[in-house]
Protein backbone atom coordinates (compact mmCIF):
# COMPACT_ATOMS: atom_id res chain seq x y z
CA MET A 1 7.88 -4.97 -4.20
CA PHE A 2 9.39 -2.08 -2.23
CA VAL A 3 12.80 -1.97 -0.61
CA LEU A 4 14.02 0.40 2.12
CA THR A 5 17.76 1.06 2.24
CA VAL A 6 19.76 1.81 5.39
CA GLN A 7 20.13 5.36 4.05
CA GLY A 8 16.33 5.81 4.23
CA ASP A 9 15.71 5.64 0.46
CA VAL A 10 12.84 3.66 -1.03
CA TYR A 11 12.98 1.66 -4.27
CA VAL A 12 10.30 -0.25 -6.13
CA PHE A 13 10.92 -3.27 -8.31
CA LYS A 14 8.67 -4.06 -11.21
CA ILE A 15 6.86 -7.39 -11.11
CA ASP A 16 5.61 -8.85 -14.39
CA GLU A 17 2.80 -11.35 -14.08
CA LYS A 18 1.74 -13.73 -16.80
CA LEU A 19 -1.81 -14.93 -16.23
CA PRO A 20 -3.27 -18.02 -17.95
CA GLU A 21 -5.45 -17.51 -20.96
CA LEU A 22 -9.18 -17.38 -20.20
CA GLU A 23 -9.77 -20.78 -21.89
CA ASP A 24 -7.05 -22.30 -19.67
CA MET A 25 -8.70 -20.82 -16.57
CA PHE A 26 -11.85 -22.84 -17.20
CA ASP A 27 -9.80 -26.02 -17.67
CA HIS A 28 -8.19 -25.43 -14.30
CA ILE A 29 -11.53 -25.35 -12.56
CA LYS A 30 -11.63 -29.13 -13.12
CA LYS A 31 -7.90 -29.70 -12.63
CA GLY A 32 -7.02 -27.36 -9.77
CA PRO A 33 -5.70 -23.83 -9.29
CA PRO A 34 -4.16 -22.13 -12.36
CA GLN A 35 -0.42 -21.53 -12.58
CA ILE A 36 0.54 -17.87 -12.45
CA GLU A 37 4.01 -16.92 -13.58
CA ALA A 38 5.57 -13.83 -12.03
CA THR A 39 9.00 -12.43 -12.73
CA LEU A 40 10.79 -9.78 -10.76
CA GLN A 41 13.13 -7.42 -12.58
CA TYR A 42 15.98 -7.11 -10.03
CA ASP A 43 18.17 -5.13 -12.40
CA LYS A 44 15.88 -2.12 -12.75
CA PRO A 45 14.82 -0.72 -9.36
CA ILE A 46 12.99 2.59 -9.52
CA HIS A 47 13.92 5.17 -6.86
CA VAL A 48 10.85 6.72 -5.23
CA LYS A 49 12.42 10.18 -5.02
CA ASP A 50 9.49 11.71 -3.08
CA LEU A 51 10.22 9.47 -0.09
CA LYS A 52 13.33 10.57 1.86
CA ASN A 53 14.69 9.85 5.29
CA ILE A 54 12.31 6.88 5.73
CA LYS A 55 12.46 4.82 8.94
CA MET A 56 10.03 2.03 8.05
CA LEU A 57 7.65 0.70 5.41
CA SER A 58 4.36 -1.16 5.75
CA SER A 59 2.13 -2.51 3.01
CA GLY A 60 -1.34 -3.86 2.63
CA SER A 61 -3.05 -5.50 -0.31
CA ASP A 62 -2.22 -2.81 -2.83
CA HIS A 63 -0.98 0.20 -0.87
CA LEU A 64 2.21 1.31 0.91
CA LEU A 65 2.88 3.36 4.00
CA ALA A 66 6.21 5.04 4.71
CA LEU A 67 7.19 6.49 8.08
CA SER A 68 9.91 9.14 8.11
CA TYR A 69 12.39 9.62 10.96
CA ASP A 70 10.66 12.92 11.84
CA GLY A 71 7.34 11.07 12.44
CA LYS A 72 5.51 11.92 9.20
CA VAL A 73 3.45 9.24 7.42
CA PHE A 74 3.12 8.98 3.63
CA ALA A 75 0.94 6.67 1.57
CA MET A 76 0.69 5.59 -2.03
CA GLY A 77 -1.26 3.03 -4.07
CA ASP A 78 -4.89 2.00 -3.82
CA ASP A 79 -7.11 4.44 -1.93
CA THR A 80 -10.48 3.00 -2.97
CA PHE A 81 -11.34 2.32 0.70
CA GLY A 82 -9.38 5.19 2.22
CA GLN A 83 -6.11 3.19 2.64
CA CYS A 84 -4.03 6.28 1.73
CA GLY A 85 -5.71 8.36 4.41
CA GLN A 86 -6.98 11.03 2.08
CA SER A 87 -10.34 12.78 2.19
CA SER A 88 -13.46 10.66 2.16
CA GLU A 89 -15.22 13.34 0.14
CA GLY A 90 -16.89 11.83 -2.89
CA ARG A 91 -16.21 8.27 -1.70
CA ASN A 92 -19.06 5.76 -1.58
CA SER A 93 -19.56 4.06 1.79
CA THR A 94 -21.45 1.19 0.14
CA ALA A 95 -21.10 -0.57 -3.22
CA PRO A 96 -20.40 0.29 -5.95
CA PHE A 97 -16.89 1.39 -4.93
CA PHE A 98 -14.87 3.37 -7.44
CA GLU A 99 -11.14 2.81 -7.67
CA LYS A 100 -8.91 5.66 -6.59
CA ARG A 101 -5.11 5.48 -6.70
CA TYR A 102 -2.10 7.62 -5.82
CA GLY A 103 0.96 6.91 -7.92
CA LYS A 104 3.12 9.22 -5.84
CA PRO A 105 3.37 9.42 -2.06
CA VAL A 106 0.83 11.64 -0.34
CA PRO A 107 1.05 12.83 3.28
CA VAL A 108 -1.37 11.29 5.81
CA GLU A 109 -2.53 13.91 8.31
CA ILE A 110 -1.93 12.63 11.82
CA PRO A 111 -1.99 15.28 14.61
CA GLU A 112 0.94 13.78 16.46
CA LYS A 113 4.38 12.39 15.62
CA ALA A 114 4.06 8.75 14.53
CA VAL A 115 6.61 6.19 15.78
CA LYS A 116 5.28 3.07 14.08
CA VAL A 117 2.90 2.14 11.23
CA VAL A 118 1.26 -1.17 10.40
CA SER A 119 -0.96 -2.18 7.49
CA GLY A 120 -3.70 -4.71 7.02
CA TYR A 121 -5.47 -5.82 3.88
CA ARG A 122 -7.24 -2.48 3.26
CA HIS A 123 -6.54 -0.52 6.44
CA ASN A 124 -3.68 1.02 8.44
CA LEU A 125 -2.76 2.00 11.97
CA ALA A 126 -0.21 4.50 13.28
CA ILE A 127 1.07 4.63 16.85
CA THR A 128 2.23 8.05 18.06
CA ASP A 129 4.92 9.10 20.46
CA LYS A 130 2.11 9.89 22.95
CA GLY A 131 0.81 6.32 22.77
CA HIS A 132 -2.28 7.14 20.71
CA VAL A 133 -3.46 4.93 17.86
CA TYR A 134 -4.90 6.35 14.66
CA GLY A 135 -6.53 4.17 12.00
CA TRP A 136 -7.89 4.65 8.52
CA GLY A 137 -9.06 2.60 5.57
CA TYR A 138 -11.72 -0.05 5.12
CA ASN A 139 -13.92 -0.14 8.23
CA ASN A 140 -16.94 -2.20 7.53
CA GLN A 141 -17.04 -3.58 11.09
CA GLN A 142 -16.49 -0.25 12.96
């Protein structure tokens, strides 16, 4: 979970998940969905120091976008399908897909100043001050 402060700083909170044992998973097939326990450590937020002066955040399935007040877009997290807006060089366009991640924010190259960002499951859109829309990420339907 990410949090944006009024000062434009970004923090991440660690989430610990406890998944059922494999044997229990098979029992739940007959009984219903398995119970997943998740705990959030509120007392230990981690400051994402590479993100400063941030105006808004947007997140998808396993990636995060940050928009700065000066219109720059940054991404971090899963980039397996291009969600972080980095080069498609070496990326498979069909299965098998190989996981690629960015643990620190990376800039997304957009030729104009962005004013808003939105995220979907594995894709993103940015709206610019000139009214143009730029998109990147998973695009199996064109």
